[in-house]
N, C-alpha and C. Protein backbone atom coordinates (compact mmCIF):
# COMPACT_ATOMS: atom_id res chain seq x y z
N MET A 1 67.29 -6.58 13.31
CA MET A 1 68.59 -5.63 13.77
C MET A 1 69.60 -6.57 14.14
N ARG A 2 70.63 -5.89 14.26
CA ARG A 2 71.97 -6.42 14.87
C ARG A 2 72.14 -6.03 16.65
N LEU A 3 72.37 -6.91 17.20
CA LEU A 3 72.24 -6.59 18.78
C LEU A 3 73.57 -6.97 19.09
N ARG A 4 74.91 -6.30 20.02
CA ARG A 4 76.14 -6.53 20.03
C ARG A 4 76.21 -6.21 21.62
N VAL A 5 76.85 -7.12 22.33
CA VAL A 5 77.05 -6.64 24.03
C VAL A 5 78.23 -6.80 23.79
N LEU A 6 78.79 -5.41 24.63
CA LEU A 6 80.41 -5.33 24.60
C LEU A 6 80.69 -5.04 26.20
N LEU A 7 81.73 -5.85 26.68
CA LEU A 7 82.28 -5.95 27.98
C LEU A 7 83.52 -5.55 27.83
N PRO A 8 84.24 -4.58 28.85
CA PRO A 8 85.58 -3.71 28.70
C PRO A 8 86.83 -5.07 27.89
N PHE A 9 86.74 -6.20 27.86
CA PHE A 9 87.87 -7.08 27.28
C PHE A 9 87.33 -8.08 25.92
N ARG A 10 86.02 -7.93 25.96
CA ARG A 10 85.83 -9.20 24.70
C ARG A 10 84.23 -8.65 24.52
N VAL A 11 83.74 -9.27 23.46
CA VAL A 11 82.49 -9.17 23.00
C VAL A 11 81.86 -10.19 23.93
N PHE A 12 80.34 -10.03 24.40
CA PHE A 12 79.97 -10.85 25.27
C PHE A 12 78.80 -11.25 24.27
N ALA A 13 78.41 -10.39 23.57
CA ALA A 13 76.87 -11.23 23.05
C ALA A 13 76.81 -10.71 21.37
N ASP A 14 76.44 -11.53 20.51
CA ASP A 14 76.57 -10.55 18.84
C ASP A 14 75.50 -11.53 18.33
N MET A 15 74.33 -11.24 18.07
CA MET A 15 72.98 -11.32 17.65
C MET A 15 72.18 -10.72 16.42
N SER A 16 72.23 -11.21 15.59
CA SER A 16 71.39 -10.54 14.30
C SER A 16 70.06 -10.96 14.50
N GLY A 17 69.15 -10.20 13.67
CA GLY A 17 67.64 -10.96 13.53
C GLY A 17 66.67 -10.31 14.85
N VAL A 18 67.08 -9.52 15.63
CA VAL A 18 66.44 -9.17 16.89
C VAL A 18 65.59 -8.30 16.53
N ASN A 19 64.07 -8.54 16.92
CA ASN A 19 63.06 -7.37 16.57
C ASN A 19 62.99 -6.42 17.26
N CYS A 20 63.06 -6.57 18.74
CA CYS A 20 63.05 -5.55 19.79
C CYS A 20 64.10 -5.21 20.81
N VAL A 21 64.30 -3.92 21.37
CA VAL A 21 65.60 -4.54 22.60
C VAL A 21 64.61 -3.40 23.62
N VAL A 22 64.63 -3.83 25.18
CA VAL A 22 64.16 -3.28 25.71
C VAL A 22 65.21 -3.02 26.98
N ALA A 23 65.92 -1.53 27.28
CA ALA A 23 66.75 -1.64 28.46
C ALA A 23 66.13 -0.39 29.58
N GLU A 24 66.82 -0.58 30.62
CA GLU A 24 66.77 0.56 31.44
C GLU A 24 67.51 1.62 31.65
N THR A 25 67.06 2.74 31.66
CA THR A 25 68.05 3.95 31.03
C THR A 25 68.02 4.57 32.66
N THR A 26 68.71 5.90 32.67
CA THR A 26 68.64 7.05 34.22
C THR A 26 67.27 7.57 33.95
N GLU A 27 66.53 7.69 32.85
CA GLU A 27 65.13 8.48 32.37
C GLU A 27 64.12 7.32 32.63
N GLY A 28 64.73 6.13 32.56
CA GLY A 28 63.40 5.09 32.69
C GLY A 28 63.34 3.67 31.88
N THR A 29 62.33 2.71 31.51
CA THR A 29 62.54 1.98 30.54
C THR A 29 62.50 2.43 29.34
N PHE A 30 63.37 2.32 28.30
CA PHE A 30 63.26 2.59 26.55
C PHE A 30 63.17 1.43 25.76
N GLY A 31 62.74 1.53 24.92
CA GLY A 31 62.33 0.50 23.67
C GLY A 31 62.88 0.50 22.54
N LEU A 32 63.79 -0.09 21.87
CA LEU A 32 63.87 0.11 20.33
C LEU A 32 63.27 -0.88 19.47
N LEU A 33 62.67 -0.29 18.48
CA LEU A 33 62.25 -0.90 17.32
C LEU A 33 63.18 -0.57 16.24
N PRO A 34 63.41 -1.45 14.98
CA PRO A 34 64.05 -1.45 14.00
C PRO A 34 63.90 -0.08 13.26
N HIS A 35 63.02 0.55 13.17
CA HIS A 35 62.93 1.91 12.41
C HIS A 35 62.90 3.01 13.33
N ARG A 36 63.43 2.86 14.92
CA ARG A 36 63.43 3.92 15.34
C ARG A 36 64.58 5.16 15.10
N LEU A 37 64.79 6.18 15.58
CA LEU A 37 65.78 7.13 14.69
C LEU A 37 67.02 7.03 15.94
N ASP A 38 68.44 7.18 15.52
CA ASP A 38 69.13 6.58 15.88
C ASP A 38 69.41 7.33 17.53
N CYS A 39 70.23 7.18 18.42
CA CYS A 39 69.69 7.37 19.87
C CYS A 39 71.37 6.97 20.38
N VAL A 40 71.59 7.76 21.40
CA VAL A 40 72.14 6.96 22.28
C VAL A 40 71.62 6.69 23.90
N ALA A 41 72.16 6.21 24.92
CA ALA A 41 71.11 6.12 26.41
C ALA A 41 72.36 5.96 27.21
N ALA A 42 72.03 6.29 28.36
CA ALA A 42 73.09 5.57 29.47
C ALA A 42 72.25 4.57 29.97
N LEU A 43 72.66 3.79 30.33
CA LEU A 43 71.97 2.63 31.27
C LEU A 43 72.13 2.60 32.81
N VAL A 44 71.23 2.23 33.23
CA VAL A 44 71.51 1.87 34.85
C VAL A 44 71.74 0.60 34.94
N PRO A 45 72.47 -0.50 36.12
CA PRO A 45 71.83 -1.64 36.37
C PRO A 45 70.65 -2.32 36.19
N GLY A 46 70.63 -3.06 35.54
CA GLY A 46 69.19 -3.84 35.76
C GLY A 46 68.80 -4.72 34.55
N ILE A 47 68.03 -5.02 33.70
CA ILE A 47 67.47 -5.93 32.92
C ILE A 47 67.47 -5.34 31.20
N LEU A 48 68.30 -5.95 30.44
CA LEU A 48 68.03 -5.78 29.05
C LEU A 48 67.23 -6.77 28.82
N SER A 49 66.26 -6.85 27.87
CA SER A 49 65.41 -7.81 27.13
C SER A 49 65.36 -7.45 25.67
N TYR A 50 65.21 -8.64 24.97
CA TYR A 50 65.20 -8.68 23.53
C TYR A 50 64.53 -9.65 23.20
N GLN A 51 64.05 -9.48 21.86
CA GLN A 51 63.43 -10.72 21.00
C GLN A 51 64.20 -10.98 19.71
N SER A 52 64.27 -12.11 19.45
CA SER A 52 64.93 -12.30 18.22
C SER A 52 64.04 -13.46 17.68
N GLU A 53 64.40 -13.51 16.20
CA GLU A 53 63.30 -14.63 15.25
C GLU A 53 63.94 -15.83 15.80
N VAL A 54 65.08 -16.10 16.24
CA VAL A 54 65.35 -17.17 16.67
C VAL A 54 65.34 -17.83 18.30
N ASP A 55 65.72 -16.90 19.07
CA ASP A 55 65.40 -17.36 20.68
C ASP A 55 64.04 -16.91 21.16
N GLY A 56 63.71 -16.11 20.60
CA GLY A 56 62.15 -15.51 21.10
C GLY A 56 62.68 -14.67 22.00
N GLU A 57 61.99 -14.34 23.28
CA GLU A 57 62.42 -13.61 23.96
C GLU A 57 63.61 -13.98 24.93
N ALA A 58 64.68 -12.86 25.23
CA ALA A 58 65.73 -13.94 26.35
C ALA A 58 65.94 -12.44 27.16
N PHE A 59 66.68 -12.58 28.21
CA PHE A 59 67.08 -11.27 29.14
C PHE A 59 68.27 -11.62 29.15
N MET A 60 69.01 -10.55 29.72
CA MET A 60 70.37 -10.21 30.09
C MET A 60 70.37 -9.35 31.52
N ALA A 61 70.97 -9.79 32.42
CA ALA A 61 71.04 -8.70 33.34
C ALA A 61 72.65 -7.69 32.85
N VAL A 62 72.66 -6.51 32.81
CA VAL A 62 73.77 -5.75 32.64
C VAL A 62 73.88 -4.74 33.81
N ASP A 63 75.31 -4.64 33.60
CA ASP A 63 75.70 -3.60 34.95
C ASP A 63 75.37 -2.12 34.19
N GLN A 64 75.71 -0.87 34.60
CA GLN A 64 76.16 0.61 34.04
C GLN A 64 76.58 0.77 32.92
N GLY A 65 76.10 1.01 32.06
CA GLY A 65 77.02 1.91 30.24
C GLY A 65 76.05 2.53 29.82
N VAL A 66 76.12 2.17 28.50
CA VAL A 66 75.92 3.00 27.35
C VAL A 66 75.79 2.19 25.93
N LEU A 67 74.15 2.59 26.02
CA LEU A 67 73.41 1.91 24.51
C LEU A 67 73.46 2.77 23.46
N MET A 68 73.91 2.40 22.28
CA MET A 68 73.72 3.26 20.91
C MET A 68 73.23 2.25 20.01
N LYS A 69 72.11 2.95 19.25
CA LYS A 69 71.55 2.73 17.95
C LYS A 69 72.11 3.38 16.93
N VAL A 70 72.52 2.96 15.83
CA VAL A 70 72.69 3.38 14.65
C VAL A 70 72.32 2.92 13.48
N GLY A 71 71.54 3.11 12.66
CA GLY A 71 70.73 2.33 12.02
C GLY A 71 70.15 1.06 12.05
N ASP A 72 70.81 0.45 11.69
CA ASP A 72 70.12 -1.26 12.46
C ASP A 72 70.88 -2.06 13.23
N ARG A 73 71.60 -1.44 13.73
CA ARG A 73 72.81 -2.13 14.63
C ARG A 73 72.77 -1.40 16.04
N VAL A 74 72.51 -2.01 17.42
CA VAL A 74 72.38 -1.50 18.52
C VAL A 74 73.65 -2.35 19.40
N THR A 75 74.01 -1.63 20.00
CA THR A 75 75.37 -1.75 20.73
C THR A 75 75.21 -1.00 21.84
N VAL A 76 75.72 -2.27 22.88
CA VAL A 76 75.57 -1.66 24.43
C VAL A 76 76.82 -2.06 25.04
N CYS A 77 77.33 -1.17 25.39
CA CYS A 77 78.94 -0.99 26.10
C CYS A 77 78.22 -1.21 27.70
N VAL A 78 78.99 -2.23 28.33
CA VAL A 78 78.46 -2.35 30.01
C VAL A 78 79.89 -3.01 30.72
N ARG A 79 79.80 -2.73 31.93
CA ARG A 79 80.97 -3.13 32.75
C ARG A 79 80.58 -4.69 33.02
N ARG A 80 79.73 -5.16 33.20
CA ARG A 80 79.26 -6.74 33.34
C ARG A 80 78.05 -6.84 32.77
N ALA A 81 77.92 -8.36 32.33
CA ALA A 81 76.48 -9.01 31.84
C ALA A 81 76.49 -10.36 31.96
N ILE A 82 75.22 -10.81 32.66
CA ILE A 82 75.27 -12.23 32.45
C ILE A 82 73.59 -12.26 31.63
N ALA A 83 73.80 -13.33 30.93
CA ALA A 83 72.70 -14.07 30.18
C ALA A 83 71.70 -14.81 30.87
N GLY A 84 70.22 -14.85 30.75
CA GLY A 84 69.93 -16.17 31.56
C GLY A 84 68.74 -16.23 30.60
N ALA A 85 68.09 -17.29 30.44
CA ALA A 85 66.49 -17.80 30.07
C ALA A 85 65.65 -17.36 30.61
N ASP A 86 65.48 -17.32 31.72
CA ASP A 86 64.50 -17.15 32.47
C ASP A 86 64.99 -16.33 33.45
N LEU A 87 64.00 -15.03 34.09
CA LEU A 87 64.15 -14.03 35.22
C LEU A 87 64.38 -14.56 36.63
N ALA A 88 64.05 -16.08 37.03
CA ALA A 88 64.07 -16.55 38.47
C ALA A 88 65.57 -16.69 38.34
N GLY A 89 66.33 -17.65 37.21
CA GLY A 89 67.60 -17.81 37.11
C GLY A 89 68.61 -16.84 37.09
N LEU A 90 68.37 -15.81 36.38
CA LEU A 90 68.98 -14.80 35.86
C LEU A 90 69.12 -14.03 37.73
N ARG A 91 68.14 -13.95 38.38
CA ARG A 91 68.11 -13.28 39.44
C ARG A 91 68.72 -14.09 40.41
N ASP A 92 69.18 -15.32 40.59
CA ASP A 92 70.03 -15.77 41.09
C ASP A 92 71.35 -15.82 40.76
N ALA A 93 71.92 -15.64 39.45
CA ALA A 93 73.04 -15.32 39.10
C ALA A 93 73.58 -14.23 39.52
N VAL A 94 72.59 -13.11 39.61
CA VAL A 94 72.85 -11.88 39.85
C VAL A 94 73.35 -11.57 41.14
N GLN A 95 72.65 -12.06 42.01
CA GLN A 95 72.85 -12.58 43.54
C GLN A 95 74.12 -13.21 43.69
N GLN A 96 74.47 -14.15 43.05
CA GLN A 96 75.93 -14.47 43.77
C GLN A 96 76.85 -13.57 42.46
N ASP A 97 76.95 -12.80 41.83
CA ASP A 97 77.66 -12.21 41.15
C ASP A 97 78.16 -10.69 41.00
N TYR A 98 76.61 -10.14 41.10
CA TYR A 98 76.57 -8.94 40.88
C TYR A 98 76.58 -8.33 42.74
N LEU A 99 76.52 -8.61 43.55
CA LEU A 99 76.05 -8.47 45.01
C LEU A 99 77.49 -9.00 45.52
N SER A 100 78.09 -9.93 44.85
CA SER A 100 79.28 -10.52 45.46
C SER A 100 80.63 -9.17 45.49
N LEU A 101 80.36 -8.21 45.15
CA LEU A 101 81.18 -6.88 44.50
C LEU A 101 82.36 -6.75 45.84
N SER A 102 83.26 -7.06 45.85
CA SER A 102 84.18 -6.71 47.38
C SER A 102 83.60 -4.77 47.07
N THR A 103 83.86 -4.75 48.71
CA THR A 103 84.07 -3.00 49.19
C THR A 103 85.06 -2.08 48.59
N GLN A 104 85.90 -3.29 48.23
CA GLN A 104 87.10 -2.15 47.58
C GLN A 104 86.79 -1.72 46.10
N GLU A 105 86.17 -2.62 45.12
CA GLU A 105 85.68 -2.41 43.74
C GLU A 105 84.34 -1.37 44.01
N GLN A 106 83.10 -1.62 45.21
CA GLN A 106 82.61 -0.12 45.05
C GLN A 106 83.18 0.81 45.81
N ASP A 107 84.15 0.89 46.44
CA ASP A 107 84.97 2.27 46.89
C ASP A 107 85.45 2.89 45.28
N ALA A 108 86.03 1.86 44.80
CA ALA A 108 86.68 2.52 43.18
C ALA A 108 85.29 2.82 42.56
N ARG A 109 84.75 2.39 42.31
CA ARG A 109 83.27 2.97 41.54
C ARG A 109 82.65 3.89 41.92
N ASP A 110 82.72 4.32 43.32
CA ASP A 110 82.06 5.51 43.86
C ASP A 110 83.07 6.81 43.52
N ALA A 111 84.76 6.19 43.88
CA ALA A 111 85.20 7.56 43.46
C ALA A 111 85.41 7.90 42.14
N SER A 112 85.27 6.68 40.97
CA SER A 112 85.41 7.48 39.48
C SER A 112 84.54 7.82 39.22
N GLY A 113 83.30 7.82 39.82
CA GLY A 113 81.59 8.19 39.45
C GLY A 113 81.70 9.81 40.02
N LYS A 114 82.73 10.04 40.94
CA LYS A 114 82.69 11.41 42.06
C LYS A 114 83.52 12.39 40.70
N LEU A 115 84.74 11.59 40.15
CA LEU A 115 85.51 12.12 39.19
C LEU A 115 84.92 12.55 38.58
N GLU A 116 84.14 11.70 37.65
CA GLU A 116 83.54 11.72 36.38
C GLU A 116 82.42 12.96 36.22
N SER A 117 81.61 13.26 37.54
CA SER A 117 80.45 14.21 37.97
C SER A 117 81.37 15.74 38.06
N GLY A 118 82.13 15.51 38.85
CA GLY A 118 83.03 16.51 39.01
C GLY A 118 83.64 17.20 37.76
N PHE A 119 84.04 16.07 36.77
CA PHE A 119 84.46 16.95 35.69
C PHE A 119 83.48 17.53 34.66
N VAL A 120 82.37 16.84 34.70
CA VAL A 120 81.27 17.12 33.58
C VAL A 120 80.85 18.70 34.24
N SER A 121 80.81 18.73 35.71
CA SER A 121 80.20 20.22 36.15
C SER A 121 81.29 21.16 35.84
N ARG A 122 82.62 20.97 35.90
CA ARG A 122 83.28 21.58 35.55
C ARG A 122 83.58 22.41 34.43
N PHE A 123 83.49 21.19 33.31
CA PHE A 123 83.15 21.62 32.04
C PHE A 123 81.95 22.17 31.49
N ALA A 124 80.66 22.01 31.88
CA ALA A 124 79.46 22.93 31.71
C ALA A 124 79.88 24.26 32.27
N LYS A 125 80.76 24.51 33.52
CA LYS A 125 80.63 26.03 34.23
C LYS A 125 81.60 26.62 33.20
N LEU A 126 82.48 25.80 32.55
CA LEU A 126 83.45 26.54 31.46
C LEU A 126 82.89 26.92 30.17
N HIS A 127 81.95 26.09 29.79
CA HIS A 127 81.49 26.15 28.93
C HIS A 127 80.44 27.49 28.66
N HIS A 128 79.69 27.59 29.94
CA HIS A 128 78.71 28.70 29.81
C HIS A 128 79.35 29.85 30.28
N GLU A 129 80.57 29.97 30.97
CA GLU A 129 81.26 31.43 30.95
C GLU A 129 81.58 32.08 29.64
């Protein structure tokens, strides 16, 4: 498979020869193998792991976003991502980067989430009427 991790303003990673991808979704851990049906999943902040022919098992800390599988292409669109060779090093990097978000950024995320959920609920009510 081909795995692409996209950030808002750049391509974070683009790898081919990926054998499996495991990500954390709103419904729990989600695994993808090459012949799985096409799908879309909402990601929560957590660890995305993958195995490739070249790198073996590797890890990425990702922020919330969306995972899409179409054919042999897996695209992950997230706000932030950090790659790491091992989980211990990745944990330290996450603590320094993610947990240092300013309160202003957290407030903006909360407001955006409330706007999105309000829009979805109003749209659902409109659809049912």
